Protein backbone atom coordinates (compact mmCIF):
# COMPACT_ATOMS: atom_id res chain seq x y z
CA UNK A 1 15.31 6.74 -17.01
CA UNK A 2 13.02 8.31 -14.37
CA UNK A 3 13.21 7.01 -10.84
CA UNK A 4 10.36 4.67 -9.86
CA UNK A 5 7.93 6.16 -7.34
CA UNK A 6 8.09 4.90 -3.77
CA UNK A 7 5.58 2.12 -3.08
CA UNK A 8 2.37 3.04 -1.28
CA UNK A 9 1.72 -0.50 -0.07
CA UNK A 10 4.28 -3.04 1.14
CA UNK A 11 3.94 -6.74 1.85
CA UNK A 12 5.52 -8.79 4.63
CA UNK A 13 8.25 -10.97 3.10
CA UNK A 14 8.18 -13.39 6.04
CA UNK A 15 6.23 -14.04 9.23
CA UNK A 16 7.52 -12.25 12.32
CA UNK A 17 6.45 -10.68 15.60
CA UNK A 18 6.95 -6.94 15.81
CA UNK A 19 7.02 -4.71 18.87
CA UNK A 20 4.96 -1.61 18.02
CA UNK A 21 3.78 0.96 20.57
CA UNK A 22 4.63 -1.42 23.41
CA UNK A 23 2.62 -4.33 22.05
CA UNK A 24 3.65 -7.51 20.23
CA UNK A 25 2.02 -7.62 16.80
CA UNK A 26 2.05 -10.92 14.88
CA UNK A 27 2.63 -10.40 11.17
CA UNK A 28 1.96 -13.17 8.66
CA UNK A 29 3.87 -13.56 5.41
CA UNK A 30 1.91 -11.66 2.77
CA UNK A 31 0.24 -9.18 5.16
CA UNK A 32 -0.11 -5.73 3.62
CA UNK A 33 0.77 -2.41 5.24
CA UNK A 34 0.95 1.23 4.22
CA UNK A 35 4.55 2.02 3.38
CA UNK A 36 4.49 4.94 5.83
CA UNK A 37 2.99 2.92 8.72
CA UNK A 38 4.90 2.57 11.98
CA UNK A 39 5.51 -1.15 11.49
CA UNK A 40 6.82 -0.78 7.92
CA UNK A 41 9.12 2.07 8.95
CA UNK A 42 10.43 0.20 11.99
CA UNK A 43 11.08 -3.07 10.12
CA UNK A 44 11.74 -2.04 6.49
CA UNK A 45 13.93 -5.07 5.76
CA UNK A 46 10.97 -7.39 6.45
CA UNK A 47 8.70 -5.78 3.85
CA UNK A 48 8.83 -5.69 0.05
CA UNK A 49 6.95 -3.47 -2.42
CA UNK A 50 3.68 -4.93 -3.66
CA UNK A 51 3.85 -6.11 -7.25
CA UNK A 52 0.66 -5.20 -9.08
CA UNK A 53 -0.14 -7.92 -11.57
CA UNK A 54 -3.12 -6.28 -13.24
CA UNK A 55 -2.76 -2.53 -13.01
CA UNK A 56 -5.91 -0.57 -13.64
CA UNK A 57 -6.10 2.43 -15.80
CA UNK A 58 -7.54 5.75 -14.94
CA UNK A 59 -10.66 5.59 -12.77
CA UNK A 60 -13.64 7.33 -14.30
CA UNK A 61 -15.39 9.96 -12.24
CA UNK A 62 -18.72 8.46 -11.08
CA UNK A 63 -20.71 11.67 -10.74
CA UNK A 64 -20.84 14.96 -12.53
CA UNK A 65 -18.93 17.88 -11.12
CA UNK A 66 -20.98 20.98 -10.17
CA UNK A 67 -22.34 22.54 -13.36
CA UNK A 68 -21.21 19.60 -15.51
CA UNK A 69 -23.73 17.64 -17.58
CA UNK A 70 -23.27 13.93 -18.09
CA UNK A 71 -24.69 12.17 -21.11
CA UNK A 72 -26.37 8.81 -20.94
């Protein structure tokens, strides 16, 4: 079975106060962060991957590419 991709977004599992770049940052339970952000990397045990309940499919391109005709 293929390995699951690393999450792009993580969610705070609990409320806490983090020290990031010399400042105290209050984090509420449920706050979202990029998985590669400083706070998520410094406190990985306090974040969990985001569970996507309704995953979208492929996003359709909104405009035509150069030289491409789009039908109506």
